[in-house]
């Protein structure tokens, strides 16, 4: 899930929406279902692929469309018009090879204190 603009914790508005920031009911439901499945069952929702190194797939939950909304000098897209864009993608090649970043972090894993 990629929030635009991508500020830390801005995704919270999608899990716990407010009337002042309507991000789309279908997107909210998909993200709330995913969060709920992890909280209650320590697993992804039914139908989502489990990540495996041999077949690195992931569920991409995103939003498309919407009405431009200006705040803090930034443009957000809110209802009406926000639509869910959800699909299974290859995690290693998604968005131009994001997996390379994961490999960097994996290589630094023991040195990182989180």
PDB file of N, CA and C in Angstrom:
ATOM      1  N   UNK A   1       0.845  -1.168   0.000  1.00  0.00           N
ATOM      2  CA  UNK A   1       0.000   0.000   0.000  1.00  0.00           C
ATOM      3  C   UNK A   1       0.891   1.232   0.000  1.00  0.00           C
ATOM      4  N   UNK A   2       0.663   2.116  -0.918  1.00  0.00           N
ATOM      5  CA  UNK A   2       1.455   3.340  -1.029  1.00  0.00           C
ATOM      6  C   UNK A   2       0.549   4.545  -0.838  1.00  0.00           C
ATOM      7  N   UNK A   3       0.830   5.312   0.175  1.00  0.00           N
ATOM      8  CA  UNK A   3       0.059   6.527   0.441  1.00  0.00           C
ATOM      9  C   UNK A   3       0.744   7.686  -0.257  1.00  0.00           C
ATOM     10  N   UNK A   4      -0.035   8.521  -0.923  1.00  0.00           N
ATOM     11  CA  UNK A   4       0.518   9.700  -1.576  1.00  0.00           C
ATOM     12  C   UNK A   4      -0.083  10.932  -0.938  1.00  0.00           C
ATOM     13  N   UNK A   5       0.687  11.843  -0.450  1.00  0.00           N
ATOM     14  CA  UNK A   5       2.139  11.808  -0.266  1.00  0.00           C
ATOM     15  C   UNK A   5       2.513  10.832   0.847  1.00  0.00           C
ATOM     16  N   UNK A   6       3.714  10.295   0.805  1.00  0.00           N
ATOM     17  CA  UNK A   6       4.127   9.222   1.699  1.00  0.00           C
ATOM     18  C   UNK A   6       4.824   9.749   2.951  1.00  0.00           C
ATOM     19  N   UNK A   7       4.032  10.256   3.862  1.00  0.00           N
ATOM     20  CA  UNK A   7       4.562  10.667   5.158  1.00  0.00           C
ATOM     21  C   UNK A   7       4.348   9.551   6.165  1.00  0.00           C
ATOM     22  N   UNK A   8       5.250   9.443   7.135  1.00  0.00           N
ATOM     23  CA  UNK A   8       5.150   8.430   8.172  1.00  0.00           C
ATOM     24  C   UNK A   8       3.793   8.522   8.864  1.00  0.00           C
ATOM     25  N   UNK A   9       3.117   7.402   8.992  1.00  0.00           N
ATOM     26  CA  UNK A   9       1.841   7.250   9.697  1.00  0.00           C
ATOM     27  C   UNK A   9       0.637   7.815   8.955  1.00  0.00           C
ATOM     28  N   UNK A  10       0.806   8.325   7.751  1.00  0.00           N
ATOM     29  CA  UNK A  10      -0.341   8.850   7.012  1.00  0.00           C
ATOM     30  C   UNK A  10      -1.316   7.736   6.631  1.00  0.00           C
ATOM     31  N   UNK A  11      -0.826   6.500   6.597  1.00  0.00           N
ATOM     32  CA  UNK A  11      -1.716   5.379   6.289  1.00  0.00           C
ATOM     33  C   UNK A  11      -2.782   5.170   7.360  1.00  0.00           C
ATOM     34  N   UNK A  12      -2.587   5.702   8.551  1.00  0.00           N
ATOM     35  CA  UNK A  12      -3.577   5.559   9.628  1.00  0.00           C
ATOM     36  C   UNK A  12      -4.936   6.094   9.199  1.00  0.00           C
ATOM     37  N   UNK A  13      -4.940   7.138   8.389  1.00  0.00           N
ATOM     38  CA  UNK A  13      -6.214   7.688   7.916  1.00  0.00           C
ATOM     39  C   UNK A  13      -6.987   6.685   7.064  1.00  0.00           C
ATOM     40  N   UNK A  14      -6.312   5.702   6.512  1.00  0.00           N
ATOM     41  CA  UNK A  14      -6.985   4.689   5.701  1.00  0.00           C
ATOM     42  C   UNK A  14      -7.511   3.546   6.559  1.00  0.00           C
ATOM     43  N   UNK A  15      -6.864   3.256   7.682  1.00  0.00           N
ATOM     44  CA  UNK A  15      -7.355   2.211   8.582  1.00  0.00           C
ATOM     45  C   UNK A  15      -8.465   2.741   9.485  1.00  0.00           C
ATOM     46  N   UNK A  16      -8.295   3.969   9.936  1.00  0.00           N
ATOM     47  CA  UNK A  16      -9.235   4.603  10.864  1.00  0.00           C
ATOM     48  C   UNK A  16      -9.668   5.936  10.271  1.00  0.00           C
ATOM     49  N   UNK A  17     -10.575   5.902   9.300  1.00  0.00           N
ATOM     50  CA  UNK A  17     -10.949   7.113   8.561  1.00  0.00           C
ATOM     51  C   UNK A  17     -11.730   8.114   9.402  1.00  0.00           C
ATOM     52  N   UNK A  18     -11.703   9.332   8.940  1.00  0.00           N
ATOM     53  CA  UNK A  18     -12.495  10.397   9.552  1.00  0.00           C
ATOM     54  C   UNK A  18     -13.356  11.025   8.461  1.00  0.00           C
ATOM     55  N   UNK A  19     -14.496  11.601   8.838  1.00  0.00           N
ATOM     56  CA  UNK A  19     -15.341  12.258   7.831  1.00  0.00           C
ATOM     57  C   UNK A  19     -14.616  13.385   7.099  1.00  0.00           C
ATOM     58  N   UNK A  20     -13.622  13.987   7.743  1.00  0.00           N
ATOM     59  CA  UNK A  20     -12.890  15.091   7.123  1.00  0.00           C
ATOM     60  C   UNK A  20     -11.923  14.604   6.042  1.00  0.00           C
ATOM     61  N   UNK A  21     -11.646  13.307   6.016  1.00  0.00           N
ATOM     62  CA  UNK A  21     -10.684  12.752   5.061  1.00  0.00           C
ATOM     63  C   UNK A  21     -11.239  11.445   4.494  1.00  0.00           C
ATOM     64  N   UNK A  22     -12.263  11.509   3.637  1.00  0.00           N
ATOM     65  CA  UNK A  22     -12.900  10.294   3.105  1.00  0.00           C
ATOM     66  C   UNK A  22     -12.061   9.651   2.002  1.00  0.00           C
ATOM     67  N   UNK A  23     -11.416   8.536   2.315  1.00  0.00           N
ATOM     68  CA  UNK A  23     -10.472   7.936   1.370  1.00  0.00           C
ATOM     69  C   UNK A  23     -11.057   6.820   0.517  1.00  0.00           C
ATOM     70  N   UNK A  24     -12.323   6.526   0.648  1.00  0.00           N
ATOM     71  CA  UNK A  24     -12.953   5.498  -0.176  1.00  0.00           C
ATOM     72  C   UNK A  24     -13.305   4.264   0.626  1.00  0.00           C
ATOM     73  N   UNK A  25     -14.586   3.938   0.675  1.00  0.00           N
ATOM     74  CA  UNK A  25     -15.060   2.825   1.496  1.00  0.00           C
ATOM     75  C   UNK A  25     -14.444   1.490   1.093  1.00  0.00           C
ATOM     76  N   UNK A  26     -14.284   1.224  -0.195  1.00  0.00           N
ATOM     77  CA  UNK A  26     -13.728  -0.067  -0.623  1.00  0.00           C
ATOM     78  C   UNK A  26     -12.260  -0.199  -0.223  1.00  0.00           C
ATOM     79  N   UNK A  27     -11.527   0.895  -0.270  1.00  0.00           N
ATOM     80  CA  UNK A  27     -10.120   0.880   0.149  1.00  0.00           C
ATOM     81  C   UNK A  27     -10.043   0.677   1.659  1.00  0.00           C
ATOM     82  N   UNK A  28     -10.874   1.392   2.407  1.00  0.00           N
ATOM     83  CA  UNK A  28     -10.899   1.247   3.864  1.00  0.00           C
ATOM     84  C   UNK A  28     -11.216  -0.187   4.265  1.00  0.00           C
ATOM     85  N   UNK A  29     -12.229  -0.774   3.641  1.00  0.00           N
ATOM     86  CA  UNK A  29     -12.628  -2.137   3.975  1.00  0.00           C
ATOM     87  C   UNK A  29     -11.498  -3.123   3.705  1.00  0.00           C
ATOM     88  N   UNK A  30     -10.829  -3.007   2.581  1.00  0.00           N
ATOM     89  CA  UNK A  30      -9.725  -3.914   2.244  1.00  0.00           C
ATOM     90  C   UNK A  30      -8.583  -3.788   3.251  1.00  0.00           C
ATOM     91  N   UNK A  31      -8.222  -2.565   3.594  1.00  0.00           N
ATOM     92  CA  UNK A  31      -7.109  -2.364   4.528  1.00  0.00           C
ATOM     93  C   UNK A  31      -7.490  -2.754   5.950  1.00  0.00           C
ATOM     94  N   UNK A  32      -8.720  -2.453   6.369  1.00  0.00           N
ATOM     95  CA  UNK A  32      -9.169  -2.845   7.702  1.00  0.00           C
ATOM     96  C   UNK A  32      -9.244  -4.366   7.821  1.00  0.00           C
ATOM     97  N   UNK A  33      -9.672  -5.048   6.762  1.00  0.00           N
ATOM     98  CA  UNK A  33      -9.726  -6.513   6.769  1.00  0.00           C
ATOM     99  C   UNK A  33      -8.327  -7.104   6.899  1.00  0.00           C
ATOM    100  N   UNK A  34      -7.382  -6.531   6.183  1.00  0.00           N
ATOM    101  CA  UNK A  34      -6.002  -7.011   6.261  1.00  0.00           C
ATOM    102  C   UNK A  34      -5.432  -6.806   7.658  1.00  0.00           C
ATOM    103  N   UNK A  35      -5.608  -5.625   8.212  1.00  0.00           N
ATOM    104  CA  UNK A  35      -5.108  -5.338   9.555  1.00  0.00           C
ATOM    105  C   UNK A  35      -5.783  -6.251  10.572  1.00  0.00           C
ATOM    106  N   UNK A  36      -7.096  -6.413  10.463  1.00  0.00           N
ATOM    107  CA  UNK A  36      -7.833  -7.269  11.391  1.00  0.00           C
ATOM    108  C   UNK A  36      -7.377  -8.715  11.338  1.00  0.00           C
ATOM    109  N   UNK A  37      -7.093  -9.223  10.144  1.00  0.00           N
ATOM    110  CA  UNK A  37      -6.635 -10.604  10.005  1.00  0.00           C
ATOM    111  C   UNK A  37      -5.290 -10.811  10.687  1.00  0.00           C
ATOM    112  N   UNK A  38      -4.394  -9.853  10.569  1.00  0.00           N
ATOM    113  CA  UNK A  38      -3.097  -9.971  11.238  1.00  0.00           C
ATOM    114  C   UNK A  38      -3.241  -9.867  12.750  1.00  0.00           C
ATOM    115  N   UNK A  39      -4.102  -8.970  13.216  1.00  0.00           N
ATOM    116  CA  UNK A  39      -4.283  -8.779  14.658  1.00  0.00           C
ATOM    117  C   UNK A  39      -4.921 -10.007  15.294  1.00  0.00           C
ATOM    118  N   UNK A  40      -5.960 -10.547  14.670  1.00  0.00           N
ATOM    119  CA  UNK A  40      -6.698 -11.652  15.284  1.00  0.00           C
ATOM    120  C   UNK A  40      -6.151 -13.030  14.950  1.00  0.00           C
ATOM    121  N   UNK A  41      -5.471 -13.187  13.836  1.00  0.00           N
ATOM    122  CA  UNK A  41      -5.027 -14.515  13.442  1.00  0.00           C
ATOM    123  C   UNK A  41      -3.580 -14.632  13.049  1.00  0.00           C
ATOM    124  N   UNK A  42      -2.827 -13.538  13.134  1.00  0.00           N
ATOM    125  CA  UNK A  42      -1.412 -13.542  12.776  1.00  0.00           C
ATOM    126  C   UNK A  42      -1.193 -14.099  11.366  1.00  0.00           C
ATOM    127  N   UNK A  43      -2.107 -13.747  10.469  1.00  0.00           N
ATOM    128  CA  UNK A  43      -2.029 -14.245   9.098  1.00  0.00           C
ATOM    129  C   UNK A  43      -2.700 -13.250   8.167  1.00  0.00           C
ATOM    130  N   UNK A  44      -2.347 -13.311   6.901  1.00  0.00           N
ATOM    131  CA  UNK A  44      -3.024 -12.429   5.945  1.00  0.00           C
ATOM    132  C   UNK A  44      -4.469 -12.868   5.738  1.00  0.00           C
ATOM    133  N   UNK A  45      -5.292 -12.004   5.178  1.00  0.00           N
ATOM    134  CA  UNK A  45      -6.680 -12.390   4.895  1.00  0.00           C
ATOM    135  C   UNK A  45      -6.743 -13.566   3.919  1.00  0.00           C
ATOM    136  N   UNK A  46      -7.853 -14.290   3.959  1.00  0.00           N
ATOM    137  CA  UNK A  46      -8.055 -15.409   3.037  1.00  0.00           C
ATOM    138  C   UNK A  46      -7.897 -14.924   1.597  1.00  0.00           C
ATOM    139  N   UNK A  47      -7.211 -15.707   0.800  1.00  0.00           N
ATOM    140  CA  UNK A  47      -7.013 -15.353  -0.599  1.00  0.00           C
ATOM    141  C   UNK A  47      -5.735 -14.580  -0.876  1.00  0.00           C
ATOM    142  N   UNK A  48      -5.098 -14.072   0.168  1.00  0.00           N
ATOM    143  CA  UNK A  48      -3.841 -13.358  -0.033  1.00  0.00           C
ATOM    144  C   UNK A  48      -2.714 -14.380  -0.096  1.00  0.00           C
ATOM    145  N   UNK A  49      -1.723 -14.154  -0.951  1.00  0.00           N
ATOM    146  CA  UNK A  49      -0.615 -15.107  -1.032  1.00  0.00           C
ATOM    147  C   UNK A  49       0.303 -14.980   0.179  1.00  0.00           C
ATOM    148  N   UNK A  50       0.831 -16.115   0.606  1.00  0.00           N
ATOM    149  CA  UNK A  50       1.878 -16.080   1.633  1.00  0.00           C
ATOM    150  C   UNK A  50       3.190 -15.807   0.911  1.00  0.00           C
ATOM    151  N   UNK A  51       4.024 -14.987   1.513  1.00  0.00           N
ATOM    152  CA  UNK A  51       5.300 -14.664   0.884  1.00  0.00           C
ATOM    153  C   UNK A  51       6.233 -15.857   1.010  1.00  0.00           C
ATOM    154  N   UNK A  52       6.847 -16.241  -0.090  1.00  0.00           N
ATOM    155  CA  UNK A  52       7.846 -17.304  -0.116  1.00  0.00           C
ATOM    156  C   UNK A  52       9.003 -16.845  -0.984  1.00  0.00           C
ATOM    157  N   UNK A  53      10.214 -17.144  -0.566  1.00  0.00           N
ATOM    158  CA  UNK A  53      11.385 -16.723  -1.334  1.00  0.00           C
ATOM    159  C   UNK A  53      11.378 -17.293  -2.744  1.00  0.00           C
ATOM    160  N   UNK A  54      10.919 -18.542  -2.904  1.00  0.00           N
ATOM    161  CA  UNK A  54      10.918 -19.165  -4.230  1.00  0.00           C
ATOM    162  C   UNK A  54       9.877 -18.552  -5.155  1.00  0.00           C
ATOM    163  N   UNK A  55       8.785 -18.068  -4.601  1.00  0.00           N
ATOM    164  CA  UNK A  55       7.705 -17.473  -5.393  1.00  0.00           C
ATOM    165  C   UNK A  55       7.251 -16.206  -4.667  1.00  0.00           C
ATOM    166  N   UNK A  56       8.052 -15.135  -4.767  1.00  0.00           N
ATOM    167  CA  UNK A  56       7.795 -13.929  -3.970  1.00  0.00           C
ATOM    168  C   UNK A  56       6.597 -13.117  -4.478  1.00  0.00           C
ATOM    169  N   UNK A  57       5.426 -13.449  -3.948  1.00  0.00           N
ATOM    170  CA  UNK A  57       4.231 -12.709  -4.318  1.00  0.00           C
ATOM    171  C   UNK A  57       3.736 -11.900  -3.135  1.00  0.00           C
ATOM    172  N   UNK A  58       3.036 -10.839  -3.432  1.00  0.00           N
ATOM    173  CA  UNK A  58       2.456  -9.996  -2.381  1.00  0.00           C
ATOM    174  C   UNK A  58       1.128  -9.448  -2.876  1.00  0.00           C
ATOM    175  N   UNK A  59       0.335  -8.977  -1.944  1.00  0.00           N
ATOM    176  CA  UNK A  59      -0.938  -8.352  -2.286  1.00  0.00           C
ATOM    177  C   UNK A  59      -0.729  -6.855  -2.300  1.00  0.00           C
ATOM    178  N   UNK A  60      -1.000  -6.224  -3.421  1.00  0.00           N
ATOM    179  CA  UNK A  60      -0.893  -4.775  -3.543  1.00  0.00           C
ATOM    180  C   UNK A  60      -2.294  -4.191  -3.380  1.00  0.00           C
ATOM    181  N   UNK A  61      -2.490  -3.444  -2.306  1.00  0.00           N
ATOM    182  CA  UNK A  61      -3.768  -2.776  -2.046  1.00  0.00           C
ATOM    183  C   UNK A  61      -3.527  -1.294  -2.243  1.00  0.00           C
ATOM    184  N   UNK A  62      -4.207  -0.721  -3.207  1.00  0.00           N
ATOM    185  CA  UNK A  62      -3.985   0.681  -3.512  1.00  0.00           C
ATOM    186  C   UNK A  62      -5.288   1.348  -3.896  1.00  0.00           C
ATOM    187  N   UNK A  63      -5.242   2.624  -4.066  1.00  0.00           N
ATOM    188  CA  UNK A  63      -6.410   3.403  -4.477  1.00  0.00           C
ATOM    189  C   UNK A  63      -6.077   4.145  -5.759  1.00  0.00           C
ATOM    190  N   UNK A  64      -7.098   4.365  -6.550  1.00  0.00           N
ATOM    191  CA  UNK A  64      -6.934   5.135  -7.770  1.00  0.00           C
ATOM    192  C   UNK A  64      -8.107   6.093  -7.893  1.00  0.00           C
ATOM    193  N   UNK A  65      -7.916   7.151  -8.635  1.00  0.00           N
ATOM    194  CA  UNK A  65      -8.990   8.128  -8.835  1.00  0.00           C
ATOM    195  C   UNK A  65      -9.196   9.017  -7.626  1.00  0.00           C
ATOM    196  N   UNK A  66     -10.340   9.638  -7.575  1.00  0.00           N
ATOM    197  CA  UNK A  66     -10.673  10.504  -6.459  1.00  0.00           C
ATOM    198  C   UNK A  66     -10.717  11.963  -6.844  1.00  0.00           C
ATOM    199  N   UNK A  67     -11.048  12.765  -5.865  1.00  0.00           N
ATOM    200  CA  UNK A  67     -11.185  14.202  -6.034  1.00  0.00           C
ATOM    201  C   UNK A  67     -10.001  14.892  -5.370  1.00  0.00           C
ATOM    202  N   UNK A  68      -9.281  15.760  -6.059  1.00  0.00           N
ATOM    203  CA  UNK A  68      -8.142  16.450  -5.440  1.00  0.00           C
ATOM    204  C   UNK A  68      -8.581  17.268  -4.221  1.00  0.00           C
ATOM    205  N   UNK A  69      -7.790  17.178  -3.159  1.00  0.00           N
ATOM    206  CA  UNK A  69      -8.049  17.885  -1.910  1.00  0.00           C
ATOM    207  C   UNK A  69      -6.722  18.483  -1.452  1.00  0.00           C
ATOM    208  N   UNK A  70      -6.652  19.794  -1.331  1.00  0.00           N
ATOM    209  CA  UNK A  70      -5.411  20.475  -0.946  1.00  0.00           C
ATOM    210  C   UNK A  70      -5.364  20.668   0.569  1.00  0.00           C
ATOM    211  N   UNK A  71      -4.243  20.288   1.166  1.00  0.00           N
ATOM    212  CA  UNK A  71      -4.033  20.503   2.598  1.00  0.00           C
ATOM    213  C   UNK A  71      -2.536  20.551   2.856  1.00  0.00           C
ATOM    214  N   UNK A  72      -2.109  21.490   3.658  1.00  0.00           N
ATOM    215  CA  UNK A  72      -0.697  21.621   4.026  1.00  0.00           C
ATOM    216  C   UNK A  72       0.211  21.755   2.810  1.00  0.00           C
ATOM    217  N   UNK A  73      -0.309  22.340   1.744  1.00  0.00           N
ATOM    218  CA  UNK A  73       0.473  22.510   0.532  1.00  0.00           C
ATOM    219  C   UNK A  73       0.638  21.237  -0.276  1.00  0.00           C
ATOM    220  N   UNK A  74      -0.150  20.209   0.035  1.00  0.00           N
ATOM    221  CA  UNK A  74      -0.071  18.925  -0.652  1.00  0.00           C
ATOM    222  C   UNK A  74      -1.413  18.594  -1.282  1.00  0.00           C
ATOM    223  N   UNK A  75      -1.401  17.732  -2.270  1.00  0.00           N
ATOM    224  CA  UNK A  75      -2.631  17.283  -2.904  1.00  0.00           C
ATOM    225  C   UNK A  75      -2.903  15.839  -2.515  1.00  0.00           C
ATOM    226  N   UNK A  76      -4.072  15.613  -1.925  1.00  0.00           N
ATOM    227  CA  UNK A  76      -4.550  14.285  -1.583  1.00  0.00           C
ATOM    228  C   UNK A  76      -5.719  13.973  -2.508  1.00  0.00           C
ATOM    229  N   UNK A  77      -6.064  12.713  -2.642  1.00  0.00           N
ATOM    230  CA  UNK A  77      -7.224  12.320  -3.443  1.00  0.00           C
ATOM    231  C   UNK A  77      -8.213  11.601  -2.541  1.00  0.00           C
ATOM    232  N   UNK A  78      -9.416  12.162  -2.439  1.00  0.00           N
ATOM    233  CA  UNK A  78     -10.434  11.657  -1.528  1.00  0.00           C
ATOM    234  C   UNK A  78     -11.720  11.386  -2.303  1.00  0.00           C
ATOM    235  N   UNK A  79     -12.707  10.802  -1.616  1.00  0.00           N
ATOM    236  CA  UNK A  79     -14.022  10.601  -2.234  1.00  0.00           C
ATOM    237  C   UNK A  79     -14.678  11.930  -2.520  1.00  0.00           C
ATOM    238  N   UNK A  80     -15.514  12.028  -3.521  1.00  0.00           N
ATOM    239  CA  UNK A  80     -15.984  10.922  -4.346  1.00  0.00           C
ATOM    240  C   UNK A  80     -14.978  10.540  -5.422  1.00  0.00           C
ATOM    241  N   UNK A  81     -15.071   9.291  -5.838  1.00  0.00           N
ATOM    242  CA  UNK A  81     -14.267   8.831  -6.959  1.00  0.00           C
ATOM    243  C   UNK A  81     -13.115   7.910  -6.632  1.00  0.00           C
ATOM    244  N   UNK A  82     -12.795   7.708  -5.337  1.00  0.00           N
ATOM    245  CA  UNK A  82     -11.701   6.801  -4.980  1.00  0.00           C
ATOM    246  C   UNK A  82     -12.162   5.363  -5.230  1.00  0.00           C
ATOM    247  N   UNK A  83     -11.329   4.589  -5.920  1.00  0.00           N
ATOM    248  CA  UNK A  83     -11.651   3.198  -6.208  1.00  0.00           C
ATOM    249  C   UNK A  83     -10.510   2.296  -5.768  1.00  0.00           C
ATOM    250  N   UNK A  84     -10.869   1.119  -5.310  1.00  0.00           N
ATOM    251  CA  UNK A  84      -9.900   0.125  -4.875  1.00  0.00           C
ATOM    252  C   UNK A  84      -9.182  -0.475  -6.078  1.00  0.00           C
ATOM    253  N   UNK A  85      -7.862  -0.576  -5.983  1.00  0.00           N
ATOM    254  CA  UNK A  85      -7.029  -1.254  -6.979  1.00  0.00           C
ATOM    255  C   UNK A  85      -6.247  -2.306  -6.207  1.00  0.00           C
ATOM    256  N   UNK A  86      -6.743  -3.537  -6.209  1.00  0.00           N
ATOM    257  CA  UNK A  86      -6.156  -4.602  -5.394  1.00  0.00           C
ATOM    258  C   UNK A  86      -5.828  -5.800  -6.278  1.00  0.00           C
ATOM    259  N   UNK A  87      -4.591  -6.285  -6.166  1.00  0.00           N
ATOM    260  CA  UNK A  87      -4.187  -7.434  -6.980  1.00  0.00           C
ATOM    261  C   UNK A  87      -2.928  -8.072  -6.408  1.00  0.00           C
ATOM    262  N   UNK A  88      -2.692  -9.296  -6.803  1.00  0.00           N
ATOM    263  CA  UNK A  88      -1.481 -10.005  -6.416  1.00  0.00           C
ATOM    264  C   UNK A  88      -0.405  -9.692  -7.450  1.00  0.00           C
ATOM    265  N   UNK A  89       0.779  -9.356  -6.962  1.00  0.00           N
ATOM    266  CA  UNK A  89       1.891  -8.997  -7.842  1.00  0.00           C
ATOM    267  C   UNK A  89       3.150  -9.734  -7.393  1.00  0.00           C
ATOM    268  N   UNK A  90       4.122  -9.808  -8.276  1.00  0.00           N
ATOM    269  CA  UNK A  90       5.424 -10.372  -7.887  1.00  0.00           C
ATOM    270  C   UNK A  90       6.154  -9.337  -7.039  1.00  0.00           C
ATOM    271  N   UNK A  91       6.500  -9.726  -5.841  1.00  0.00           N
ATOM    272  CA  UNK A  91       7.126  -8.796  -4.910  1.00  0.00           C
ATOM    273  C   UNK A  91       8.520  -8.369  -5.352  1.00  0.00           C
ATOM    274  N   UNK A  92       9.216  -9.231  -6.071  1.00  0.00           N
ATOM    275  CA  UNK A  92      10.591  -8.899  -6.444  1.00  0.00           C
ATOM    276  C   UNK A  92      10.687  -7.952  -7.638  1.00  0.00           C
ATOM    277  N   UNK A  93       9.651  -7.876  -8.449  1.00  0.00           N
ATOM    278  CA  UNK A  93       9.705  -7.001  -9.618  1.00  0.00           C
ATOM    279  C   UNK A  93       8.699  -5.854  -9.560  1.00  0.00           C
ATOM    280  N   UNK A  94       7.864  -5.823  -8.538  1.00  0.00           N
ATOM    281  CA  UNK A  94       6.818  -4.810  -8.414  1.00  0.00           C
ATOM    282  C   UNK A  94       7.428  -3.414  -8.346  1.00  0.00           C
ATOM    283  N   UNK A  95       6.802  -2.492  -9.007  1.00  0.00           N
ATOM    284  CA  UNK A  95       7.216  -1.086  -9.051  1.00  0.00           C
ATOM    285  C   UNK A  95       8.703  -0.919  -9.344  1.00  0.00           C
ATOM    286  N   UNK A  96       9.124  -1.540 -10.411  1.00  0.00           N
ATOM    287  CA  UNK A  96      10.495  -1.341 -10.862  1.00  0.00           C
ATOM    288  C   UNK A  96      11.549  -2.029 -10.025  1.00  0.00           C
ATOM    289  N   UNK A  97      11.189  -3.084  -9.308  1.00  0.00           N
ATOM    290  CA  UNK A  97      12.177  -3.849  -8.559  1.00  0.00           C
ATOM    291  C   UNK A  97      12.406  -3.377  -7.140  1.00  0.00           C
ATOM    292  N   UNK A  98      11.334  -3.091  -6.440  1.00  0.00           N
ATOM    293  CA  UNK A  98      11.465  -2.654  -5.046  1.00  0.00           C
ATOM    294  C   UNK A  98      12.201  -3.658  -4.173  1.00  0.00           C
ATOM    295  N   UNK A  99      12.229  -4.898  -4.598  1.00  0.00           N
ATOM    296  CA  UNK A  99      12.868  -5.934  -3.793  1.00  0.00           C
ATOM    297  C   UNK A  99      14.337  -5.642  -3.534  1.00  0.00           C
ATOM    298  N   UNK A 100      14.971  -4.870  -4.387  1.00  0.00           N
ATOM    299  CA  UNK A 100      16.382  -4.535  -4.172  1.00  0.00           C
ATOM    300  C   UNK A 100      16.563  -3.833  -2.829  1.00  0.00           C
ATOM    301  N   UNK A 101      15.602  -2.994  -2.451  1.00  0.00           N
ATOM    302  CA  UNK A 101      15.673  -2.327  -1.144  1.00  0.00           C
ATOM    303  C   UNK A 101      15.552  -3.339  -0.014  1.00  0.00           C
ATOM    304  N   UNK A 102      14.682  -4.321  -0.203  1.00  0.00           N
ATOM    305  CA  UNK A 102      14.523  -5.356   0.816  1.00  0.00           C
ATOM    306  C   UNK A 102      15.821  -6.134   0.996  1.00  0.00           C
ATOM    307  N   UNK A 103      16.497  -6.410  -0.105  1.00  0.00           N
ATOM    308  CA  UNK A 103      17.759  -7.143  -0.032  1.00  0.00           C
ATOM    309  C   UNK A 103      18.814  -6.343   0.725  1.00  0.00           C
ATOM    310  N   UNK A 104      18.843  -5.040   0.531  1.00  0.00           N
ATOM    311  CA  UNK A 104      19.781  -4.189   1.273  1.00  0.00           C
ATOM    312  C   UNK A 104      19.491  -4.293   2.763  1.00  0.00           C
ATOM    313  N   UNK A 105      18.221  -4.174   3.142  1.00  0.00           N
ATOM    314  CA  UNK A 105      17.856  -4.257   4.557  1.00  0.00           C
ATOM    315  C   UNK A 105      18.124  -5.648   5.119  1.00  0.00           C
ATOM    316  N   UNK A 106      17.858  -6.686   4.336  1.00  0.00           N
ATOM    317  CA  UNK A 106      18.129  -8.046   4.796  1.00  0.00           C
ATOM    318  C   UNK A 106      19.619  -8.207   5.066  1.00  0.00           C
ATOM    319  N   UNK A 107      20.448  -7.654   4.201  1.00  0.00           N
ATOM    320  CA  UNK A 107      21.889  -7.733   4.391  1.00  0.00           C
ATOM    321  C   UNK A 107      22.374  -6.975   5.616  1.00  0.00           C
ATOM    322  N   UNK A 108      21.646  -5.934   5.985  1.00  0.00           N
ATOM    323  CA  UNK A 108      22.008  -5.141   7.160  1.00  0.00           C
ATOM    324  C   UNK A 108      21.297  -5.621   8.421  1.00  0.00           C
ATOM    325  N   UNK A 109      20.458  -6.628   8.290  1.00  0.00           N
ATOM    326  CA  UNK A 109      19.578  -7.075   9.366  1.00  0.00           C
ATOM    327  C   UNK A 109      20.219  -7.197  10.732  1.00  0.00           C
ATOM    328  N   UNK A 110      21.347  -7.853  10.827  1.00  0.00           N
ATOM    329  CA  UNK A 110      21.969  -8.053  12.132  1.00  0.00           C
ATOM    330  C   UNK A 110      22.526  -6.762  12.706  1.00  0.00           C
ATOM    331  N   UNK A 111      22.874  -5.825  11.845  1.00  0.00           N
ATOM    332  CA  UNK A 111      23.441  -4.558  12.317  1.00  0.00           C
ATOM    333  C   UNK A 111      22.361  -3.553  12.710  1.00  0.00           C
ATOM    334  N   UNK A 112      21.137  -3.753  12.211  1.00  0.00           N
ATOM    335  CA  UNK A 112      20.052  -2.816  12.515  1.00  0.00           C
ATOM    336  C   UNK A 112      19.425  -3.141  13.858  1.00  0.00           C
ATOM    337  N   UNK A 113      19.252  -2.144  14.665  1.00  0.00           N
ATOM    338  CA  UNK A 113      18.575  -2.307  15.949  1.00  0.00           C
ATOM    339  C   UNK A 113      17.261  -1.561  15.846  1.00  0.00           C
ATOM    340  N   UNK A 114      16.181  -2.323  15.823  1.00  0.00           N
ATOM    341  CA  UNK A 114      14.863  -1.703  15.681  1.00  0.00           C
ATOM    342  C   UNK A 114      14.049  -1.970  16.922  1.00  0.00           C
TER     343      UNK A 114
END
